């Protein structure tokens, strides 16, 4: 159920039109919900003061539950994005370390053409990584278990 809510929140929040349509639909649903509760309370013949209190309580519980579902969807979506960002940062770190090892390993033992080819390839990969991840040289930050980790240390 939570995965479905997370996907729904991601789908809805992709564009403004989707958000407006969702707000419109939710407004209609809550209006119909309040109408249904009011009709039900009229049919069971309760006093007017109690009618208002019960109706407000039931509608408030419905609105609170809907908001709770939406907030859980947003929290789960944010966690998924944080996990993906950490994976991308780790990929960046791993690739850069591998490139450094390749360059150092081929620097001393090969002929000039081979060195130039390896250096050119590693430079291309390095340039693409710099284009994709421009914050090179800064500490990597990842959220783990509710705490920020910078370079493997908690802060």
N, C-alpha and C. Protein backbone atom coordinates (compact mmCIF):
# COMPACT_ATOMS: atom_id res chain seq x y z
N UNK A 1 0.82 -1.19 0.00
CA UNK A 1 0.00 0.00 0.00
C UNK A 1 0.86 1.26 0.00
N UNK A 2 1.94 1.23 0.83
CA UNK A 2 2.82 2.41 0.88
C UNK A 2 3.53 2.62 -0.44
N UNK A 3 3.91 1.54 -1.11
CA UNK A 3 4.56 1.69 -2.41
C UNK A 3 3.60 2.29 -3.43
N UNK A 4 2.35 1.91 -3.37
CA UNK A 4 1.34 2.48 -4.26
C UNK A 4 1.17 3.97 -4.00
N UNK A 5 1.13 4.36 -2.74
CA UNK A 5 1.00 5.77 -2.39
C UNK A 5 2.23 6.54 -2.86
N UNK A 6 3.42 5.96 -2.66
CA UNK A 6 4.65 6.61 -3.10
C UNK A 6 4.63 6.83 -4.60
N UNK A 7 4.23 5.81 -5.36
CA UNK A 7 4.15 5.96 -6.82
C UNK A 7 3.11 6.99 -7.22
N UNK A 8 1.98 7.01 -6.51
CA UNK A 8 0.93 7.99 -6.81
C UNK A 8 1.42 9.41 -6.55
N UNK A 9 2.12 9.62 -5.43
CA UNK A 9 2.66 10.95 -5.14
C UNK A 9 3.67 11.35 -6.20
N UNK A 10 4.53 10.43 -6.62
CA UNK A 10 5.51 10.74 -7.66
C UNK A 10 4.82 11.08 -8.97
N UNK A 11 3.79 10.34 -9.32
CA UNK A 11 3.07 10.59 -10.57
C UNK A 11 2.35 11.94 -10.53
N UNK A 12 1.71 12.24 -9.42
CA UNK A 12 0.94 13.47 -9.29
C UNK A 12 1.86 14.70 -9.31
N UNK A 13 2.99 14.59 -8.64
CA UNK A 13 3.86 15.76 -8.49
C UNK A 13 4.75 16.03 -9.69
N UNK A 14 4.57 15.30 -10.78
CA UNK A 14 5.40 15.52 -11.97
C UNK A 14 5.09 16.83 -12.68
N UNK A 15 3.84 17.27 -12.65
CA UNK A 15 3.51 18.52 -13.33
C UNK A 15 2.41 19.26 -12.59
N UNK A 16 2.25 20.53 -12.92
CA UNK A 16 1.26 21.37 -12.23
C UNK A 16 -0.17 20.94 -12.54
N UNK A 17 -0.43 20.56 -13.78
CA UNK A 17 -1.78 20.16 -14.14
C UNK A 17 -2.23 18.95 -13.31
N UNK A 18 -1.35 17.98 -13.16
CA UNK A 18 -1.67 16.81 -12.34
C UNK A 18 -1.97 17.19 -10.91
N UNK A 19 -1.20 18.14 -10.38
CA UNK A 19 -1.44 18.58 -9.01
C UNK A 19 -2.79 19.28 -8.89
N UNK A 20 -3.11 20.16 -9.85
CA UNK A 20 -4.39 20.87 -9.81
C UNK A 20 -5.56 19.90 -9.95
N UNK A 21 -5.42 18.93 -10.85
CA UNK A 21 -6.50 17.95 -11.02
C UNK A 21 -6.68 17.12 -9.74
N UNK A 22 -5.58 16.78 -9.10
CA UNK A 22 -5.66 16.02 -7.86
C UNK A 22 -6.31 16.84 -6.75
N UNK A 23 -5.95 18.11 -6.65
CA UNK A 23 -6.57 18.99 -5.65
C UNK A 23 -8.08 19.11 -5.92
N UNK A 24 -8.45 19.27 -7.19
CA UNK A 24 -9.85 19.37 -7.55
C UNK A 24 -10.60 18.08 -7.19
N UNK A 25 -10.01 16.93 -7.52
CA UNK A 25 -10.64 15.65 -7.22
C UNK A 25 -10.76 15.44 -5.70
N UNK A 26 -9.71 15.79 -4.95
CA UNK A 26 -9.76 15.64 -3.50
C UNK A 26 -10.82 16.55 -2.89
N UNK A 27 -10.94 17.77 -3.41
CA UNK A 27 -11.97 18.69 -2.92
C UNK A 27 -13.36 18.12 -3.16
N UNK A 28 -13.57 17.58 -4.36
CA UNK A 28 -14.85 16.95 -4.67
C UNK A 28 -15.12 15.77 -3.75
N UNK A 29 -14.12 14.92 -3.56
CA UNK A 29 -14.30 13.74 -2.71
C UNK A 29 -14.62 14.13 -1.27
N UNK A 30 -13.91 15.12 -0.73
CA UNK A 30 -14.20 15.52 0.65
C UNK A 30 -15.56 16.20 0.76
N UNK A 31 -15.96 16.94 -0.28
CA UNK A 31 -17.31 17.51 -0.28
C UNK A 31 -18.37 16.43 -0.29
N UNK A 32 -18.18 15.42 -1.13
CA UNK A 32 -19.13 14.30 -1.17
C UNK A 32 -19.11 13.51 0.13
N UNK A 33 -17.94 13.35 0.71
CA UNK A 33 -17.82 12.65 1.99
C UNK A 33 -18.58 13.41 3.08
N UNK A 34 -18.42 14.72 3.12
CA UNK A 34 -19.14 15.50 4.12
C UNK A 34 -20.65 15.44 3.88
N UNK A 35 -21.06 15.48 2.62
CA UNK A 35 -22.48 15.37 2.31
C UNK A 35 -23.03 14.02 2.77
N UNK A 36 -22.30 12.95 2.50
CA UNK A 36 -22.75 11.61 2.89
C UNK A 36 -22.85 11.49 4.41
N UNK A 37 -21.87 12.03 5.11
CA UNK A 37 -21.91 11.98 6.57
C UNK A 37 -23.11 12.78 7.09
N UNK A 38 -23.35 13.96 6.50
CA UNK A 38 -24.48 14.78 6.92
C UNK A 38 -25.81 14.07 6.67
N UNK A 39 -25.96 13.46 5.49
CA UNK A 39 -27.19 12.72 5.18
C UNK A 39 -27.40 11.57 6.16
N UNK A 40 -26.33 10.87 6.45
CA UNK A 40 -26.42 9.73 7.38
C UNK A 40 -26.85 10.20 8.76
N UNK A 41 -26.26 11.31 9.22
CA UNK A 41 -26.61 11.83 10.55
C UNK A 41 -28.04 12.35 10.59
N UNK A 42 -28.55 12.90 9.49
CA UNK A 42 -29.94 13.35 9.44
C UNK A 42 -30.88 12.14 9.50
N UNK A 43 -30.51 11.06 8.83
CA UNK A 43 -31.35 9.87 8.81
C UNK A 43 -31.44 9.17 10.17
N UNK A 44 -30.42 9.29 10.97
CA UNK A 44 -30.49 8.63 12.27
C UNK A 44 -31.09 9.54 13.34
N UNK A 45 -31.51 10.73 12.98
CA UNK A 45 -32.25 11.65 13.84
C UNK A 45 -31.54 11.95 15.16
N UNK A 46 -30.41 12.60 15.07
CA UNK A 46 -29.73 13.03 16.30
C UNK A 46 -29.95 14.54 16.48
N UNK A 47 -29.80 15.05 17.70
CA UNK A 47 -30.01 16.48 17.94
C UNK A 47 -29.04 17.34 17.11
N UNK A 48 -29.43 18.56 16.73
CA UNK A 48 -28.61 19.42 15.87
C UNK A 48 -27.21 19.70 16.42
N UNK A 49 -27.09 19.99 17.72
CA UNK A 49 -25.75 20.26 18.28
C UNK A 49 -24.84 19.04 18.17
N UNK A 50 -25.37 17.89 18.49
CA UNK A 50 -24.59 16.66 18.38
C UNK A 50 -24.30 16.35 16.91
N UNK A 51 -25.25 16.64 16.05
CA UNK A 51 -25.08 16.45 14.60
C UNK A 51 -23.84 17.21 14.11
N UNK A 52 -23.72 18.48 14.47
CA UNK A 52 -22.58 19.30 14.03
C UNK A 52 -21.26 18.74 14.56
N UNK A 53 -21.25 18.35 15.83
CA UNK A 53 -20.02 17.85 16.44
C UNK A 53 -19.59 16.52 15.81
N UNK A 54 -20.54 15.61 15.63
CA UNK A 54 -20.21 14.30 15.05
C UNK A 54 -19.76 14.47 13.59
N UNK A 55 -20.46 15.31 12.84
CA UNK A 55 -20.10 15.54 11.44
C UNK A 55 -18.69 16.13 11.33
N UNK A 56 -18.40 17.13 12.14
CA UNK A 56 -17.06 17.75 12.11
C UNK A 56 -15.98 16.74 12.50
N UNK A 57 -16.27 15.91 13.48
CA UNK A 57 -15.29 14.91 13.93
C UNK A 57 -15.03 13.88 12.84
N UNK A 58 -16.07 13.37 12.22
CA UNK A 58 -15.89 12.34 11.19
C UNK A 58 -15.15 12.91 9.98
N UNK A 59 -15.52 14.10 9.54
CA UNK A 59 -14.86 14.71 8.39
C UNK A 59 -13.40 15.04 8.72
N UNK A 60 -13.15 15.53 9.94
CA UNK A 60 -11.77 15.84 10.34
C UNK A 60 -10.92 14.57 10.39
N UNK A 61 -11.48 13.47 10.88
CA UNK A 61 -10.74 12.21 10.89
C UNK A 61 -10.42 11.75 9.47
N UNK A 62 -11.38 11.89 8.56
CA UNK A 62 -11.14 11.53 7.16
C UNK A 62 -10.06 12.39 6.53
N UNK A 63 -10.11 13.70 6.77
CA UNK A 63 -9.09 14.60 6.22
C UNK A 63 -7.72 14.32 6.83
N UNK A 64 -7.69 14.06 8.13
CA UNK A 64 -6.42 13.74 8.79
C UNK A 64 -5.81 12.46 8.25
N UNK A 65 -6.65 11.45 8.03
CA UNK A 65 -6.15 10.19 7.48
C UNK A 65 -5.61 10.39 6.07
N UNK A 66 -6.32 11.16 5.26
CA UNK A 66 -5.85 11.43 3.89
C UNK A 66 -4.51 12.17 3.92
N UNK A 67 -4.38 13.16 4.78
CA UNK A 67 -3.12 13.89 4.89
C UNK A 67 -2.01 12.98 5.38
N UNK A 68 -2.31 12.10 6.32
CA UNK A 68 -1.31 11.14 6.81
C UNK A 68 -0.80 10.26 5.67
N UNK A 69 -1.72 9.77 4.83
CA UNK A 69 -1.30 8.95 3.69
C UNK A 69 -0.41 9.73 2.73
N UNK A 70 -0.79 10.96 2.44
CA UNK A 70 0.00 11.78 1.52
C UNK A 70 1.38 12.06 2.09
N UNK A 71 1.45 12.41 3.36
CA UNK A 71 2.76 12.69 3.97
C UNK A 71 3.65 11.46 4.00
N UNK A 72 3.08 10.30 4.25
CA UNK A 72 3.88 9.07 4.21
C UNK A 72 4.38 8.80 2.79
N UNK A 73 3.56 9.08 1.80
CA UNK A 73 4.00 8.94 0.42
C UNK A 73 5.16 9.87 0.10
N UNK A 74 5.08 11.11 0.58
CA UNK A 74 6.15 12.08 0.34
C UNK A 74 7.43 11.66 1.06
N UNK A 75 7.30 11.19 2.30
CA UNK A 75 8.48 10.74 3.05
C UNK A 75 9.14 9.56 2.35
N UNK A 76 8.36 8.58 1.91
CA UNK A 76 8.92 7.42 1.22
C UNK A 76 9.59 7.83 -0.09
N UNK A 77 8.97 8.74 -0.80
CA UNK A 77 9.55 9.24 -2.07
C UNK A 77 10.89 9.92 -1.80
N UNK A 78 10.93 10.73 -0.75
CA UNK A 78 12.18 11.42 -0.41
C UNK A 78 13.26 10.41 -0.03
N UNK A 79 12.90 9.36 0.71
CA UNK A 79 13.88 8.32 1.06
C UNK A 79 14.42 7.61 -0.18
N UNK A 80 13.52 7.32 -1.13
CA UNK A 80 13.97 6.68 -2.36
C UNK A 80 14.94 7.57 -3.13
N UNK A 81 14.64 8.87 -3.19
CA UNK A 81 15.52 9.81 -3.89
C UNK A 81 16.87 9.90 -3.18
N UNK A 82 16.86 9.96 -1.84
CA UNK A 82 18.12 10.00 -1.10
C UNK A 82 18.95 8.75 -1.33
N UNK A 83 18.31 7.59 -1.35
CA UNK A 83 19.03 6.34 -1.62
C UNK A 83 19.64 6.35 -3.01
N UNK A 84 18.88 6.83 -4.00
CA UNK A 84 19.41 6.91 -5.37
C UNK A 84 20.59 7.87 -5.45
N UNK A 85 20.49 9.01 -4.78
CA UNK A 85 21.59 9.97 -4.79
C UNK A 85 22.84 9.39 -4.13
N UNK A 86 22.65 8.64 -3.06
CA UNK A 86 23.80 7.99 -2.42
C UNK A 86 24.44 6.96 -3.34
N UNK A 87 23.60 6.22 -4.07
CA UNK A 87 24.15 5.24 -5.02
C UNK A 87 24.92 5.92 -6.14
N UNK A 88 24.39 7.02 -6.64
CA UNK A 88 25.07 7.76 -7.70
C UNK A 88 26.39 8.34 -7.19
N UNK A 89 26.39 8.87 -5.97
CA UNK A 89 27.62 9.41 -5.38
C UNK A 89 28.65 8.30 -5.19
N UNK A 90 28.20 7.13 -4.77
CA UNK A 90 29.12 6.01 -4.60
C UNK A 90 29.67 5.54 -5.94
N UNK A 91 28.83 5.53 -6.97
CA UNK A 91 29.28 5.20 -8.32
C UNK A 91 30.35 6.18 -8.78
N UNK A 92 30.11 7.46 -8.56
CA UNK A 92 31.08 8.49 -8.92
C UNK A 92 32.41 8.24 -8.22
N UNK A 93 32.34 7.98 -6.91
CA UNK A 93 33.56 7.73 -6.14
C UNK A 93 34.30 6.49 -6.65
N UNK A 94 33.55 5.43 -6.89
CA UNK A 94 34.16 4.18 -7.35
C UNK A 94 34.81 4.36 -8.72
N UNK A 95 34.12 5.02 -9.64
CA UNK A 95 34.67 5.24 -10.98
C UNK A 95 35.93 6.09 -10.93
N UNK A 96 35.91 7.13 -10.13
CA UNK A 96 37.10 7.99 -10.03
C UNK A 96 38.29 7.22 -9.46
N UNK A 97 38.06 6.39 -8.46
CA UNK A 97 39.15 5.58 -7.91
C UNK A 97 39.68 4.60 -8.95
N UNK A 98 38.77 3.97 -9.71
CA UNK A 98 39.19 3.03 -10.74
C UNK A 98 40.00 3.74 -11.83
N UNK A 99 39.57 4.93 -12.22
CA UNK A 99 40.32 5.69 -13.22
C UNK A 99 41.71 6.04 -12.72
N UNK A 100 41.81 6.40 -11.48
CA UNK A 100 43.12 6.73 -10.92
C UNK A 100 44.04 5.51 -10.93
N UNK A 101 43.49 4.35 -10.57
CA UNK A 101 44.29 3.12 -10.58
C UNK A 101 44.73 2.77 -12.01
N UNK A 102 43.81 2.91 -12.97
CA UNK A 102 44.15 2.61 -14.36
C UNK A 102 45.27 3.52 -14.85
N UNK A 103 45.15 4.79 -14.58
CA UNK A 103 46.18 5.74 -15.03
C UNK A 103 47.51 5.42 -14.38
N UNK A 104 47.52 5.16 -13.08
CA UNK A 104 48.78 4.86 -12.40
C UNK A 104 49.38 3.53 -12.86
N UNK A 105 48.53 2.54 -13.12
CA UNK A 105 49.03 1.23 -13.54
C UNK A 105 49.63 1.27 -14.94
N UNK A 106 49.08 2.08 -15.80
CA UNK A 106 49.56 2.12 -17.19
C UNK A 106 50.57 3.23 -17.43
N UNK A 107 50.86 3.99 -16.46
CA UNK A 107 51.77 5.11 -16.66
C UNK A 107 53.21 4.65 -16.86
N UNK A 108 53.64 3.63 -16.14
CA UNK A 108 55.05 3.24 -16.17
C UNK A 108 55.38 2.12 -17.14
N UNK A 109 54.47 1.18 -17.40
CA UNK A 109 54.88 -0.01 -18.11
C UNK A 109 54.57 -0.09 -19.59
N UNK A 110 53.90 0.85 -20.19
CA UNK A 110 53.46 0.68 -21.58
C UNK A 110 54.16 1.68 -22.49
N UNK A 111 54.01 1.43 -23.80
CA UNK A 111 54.60 2.35 -24.78
C UNK A 111 53.80 3.66 -24.83
N UNK A 112 54.31 4.61 -25.57
CA UNK A 112 53.72 5.95 -25.60
C UNK A 112 52.30 5.94 -26.16
N UNK A 113 52.06 5.18 -27.24
CA UNK A 113 50.72 5.15 -27.84
C UNK A 113 49.70 4.55 -26.86
N UNK A 114 50.08 3.50 -26.19
CA UNK A 114 49.18 2.87 -25.23
C UNK A 114 48.89 3.83 -24.07
N UNK A 115 49.92 4.50 -23.57
CA UNK A 115 49.73 5.48 -22.50
C UNK A 115 48.78 6.59 -22.94
N UNK A 116 48.98 7.07 -24.16
CA UNK A 116 48.14 8.17 -24.67
C UNK A 116 46.69 7.71 -24.81
N UNK A 117 46.48 6.49 -25.28
CA UNK A 117 45.13 5.97 -25.45
C UNK A 117 44.43 5.82 -24.08
N UNK A 118 45.11 5.23 -23.10
CA UNK A 118 44.53 5.05 -21.78
C UNK A 118 44.26 6.40 -21.13
N UNK A 119 45.22 7.32 -21.27
CA UNK A 119 45.04 8.64 -20.68
C UNK A 119 43.88 9.38 -21.34
N UNK A 120 43.74 9.26 -22.65
CA UNK A 120 42.64 9.92 -23.36
C UNK A 120 41.29 9.35 -22.89
N UNK A 121 41.20 8.03 -22.79
CA UNK A 121 39.95 7.40 -22.34
C UNK A 121 39.61 7.81 -20.91
N UNK A 122 40.59 7.78 -20.04
CA UNK A 122 40.31 8.16 -18.66
C UNK A 122 39.95 9.63 -18.56
N UNK A 123 40.56 10.47 -19.37
CA UNK A 123 40.21 11.89 -19.36
C UNK A 123 38.77 12.10 -19.85
N UNK A 124 38.36 11.34 -20.86
CA UNK A 124 36.97 11.45 -21.34
C UNK A 124 35.98 11.05 -20.24
N UNK A 125 36.29 9.94 -19.57
CA UNK A 125 35.41 9.49 -18.49
C UNK A 125 35.40 10.52 -17.36
N UNK A 126 36.59 11.04 -17.03
CA UNK A 126 36.69 12.04 -15.97
C UNK A 126 35.91 13.30 -16.33
N UNK A 127 36.00 13.75 -17.58
CA UNK A 127 35.26 14.94 -18.01
C UNK A 127 33.75 14.71 -17.92
N UNK A 128 33.32 13.53 -18.33
CA UNK A 128 31.88 13.22 -18.25
C UNK A 128 31.43 13.19 -16.80
N UNK A 129 32.24 12.61 -15.91
CA UNK A 129 31.89 12.60 -14.50
C UNK A 129 31.84 14.03 -13.93
N UNK A 130 32.78 14.88 -14.35
CA UNK A 130 32.75 16.27 -13.89
C UNK A 130 31.52 16.99 -14.41
N UNK A 131 31.10 16.64 -15.62
CA UNK A 131 29.88 17.24 -16.18
C UNK A 131 28.64 16.77 -15.42
N UNK A 132 28.60 15.47 -15.10
CA UNK A 132 27.45 14.91 -14.39
C UNK A 132 27.44 15.28 -12.91
N UNK A 133 28.61 15.33 -12.30
CA UNK A 133 28.73 15.59 -10.87
C UNK A 133 29.68 16.77 -10.66
N UNK A 134 29.21 17.99 -10.82
CA UNK A 134 30.12 19.15 -10.77
C UNK A 134 30.68 19.46 -9.39
N UNK A 135 30.19 18.86 -8.33
CA UNK A 135 30.65 19.17 -6.98
C UNK A 135 31.84 18.31 -6.58
N UNK A 136 32.73 18.05 -7.50
CA UNK A 136 33.90 17.22 -7.20
C UNK A 136 34.84 18.01 -6.29
N UNK A 137 35.43 17.30 -5.35
CA UNK A 137 36.32 17.96 -4.41
C UNK A 137 35.63 18.28 -3.10
N UNK A 138 34.31 18.32 -3.11
CA UNK A 138 33.57 18.54 -1.89
C UNK A 138 33.29 17.19 -1.25
N UNK A 139 33.02 17.21 0.02
CA UNK A 139 32.74 15.96 0.73
C UNK A 139 31.43 15.36 0.25
N UNK A 140 31.40 14.05 0.13
CA UNK A 140 30.16 13.37 -0.22
C UNK A 140 29.24 13.39 0.99
N UNK A 141 27.97 13.69 0.76
CA UNK A 141 27.00 13.71 1.85
C UNK A 141 25.88 12.73 1.53
N UNK A 142 25.60 11.84 2.46
CA UNK A 142 24.50 10.90 2.32
C UNK A 142 23.74 10.83 3.64
N UNK A 143 22.40 10.68 3.52
CA UNK A 143 21.57 10.54 4.71
C UNK A 143 21.43 9.05 5.00
N UNK A 144 21.88 8.63 6.16
CA UNK A 144 21.76 7.23 6.56
C UNK A 144 21.18 7.18 7.97
N UNK A 145 20.09 6.46 8.12
CA UNK A 145 19.44 6.28 9.42
C UNK A 145 19.14 7.61 10.10
N UNK A 146 18.72 8.58 9.33
CA UNK A 146 18.32 9.86 9.89
C UNK A 146 19.47 10.80 10.22
N UNK A 147 20.71 10.41 9.89
CA UNK A 147 21.87 11.28 10.17
C UNK A 147 22.65 11.48 8.87
N UNK A 148 23.22 12.67 8.72
CA UNK A 148 24.03 12.96 7.53
C UNK A 148 25.41 12.36 7.73
N UNK A 149 25.89 11.68 6.70
CA UNK A 149 27.25 11.16 6.70
C UNK A 149 28.04 11.94 5.66
N UNK A 150 29.17 12.50 6.09
CA UNK A 150 30.03 13.23 5.18
C UNK A 150 31.35 12.49 5.12
N UNK A 151 31.63 11.92 3.96
CA UNK A 151 32.86 11.16 3.81
C UNK A 151 32.96 9.98 4.73
N UNK A 152 31.82 9.33 5.06
CA UNK A 152 31.81 8.16 5.90
C UNK A 152 31.72 8.45 7.39
N UNK A 153 31.71 9.74 7.78
CA UNK A 153 31.60 10.10 9.19
C UNK A 153 30.26 10.74 9.44
N UNK A 154 29.65 10.40 10.58
CA UNK A 154 28.34 10.97 10.92
C UNK A 154 28.50 12.40 11.40
N UNK A 155 27.52 13.24 11.04
CA UNK A 155 27.49 14.65 11.50
C UNK A 155 26.11 14.99 11.95
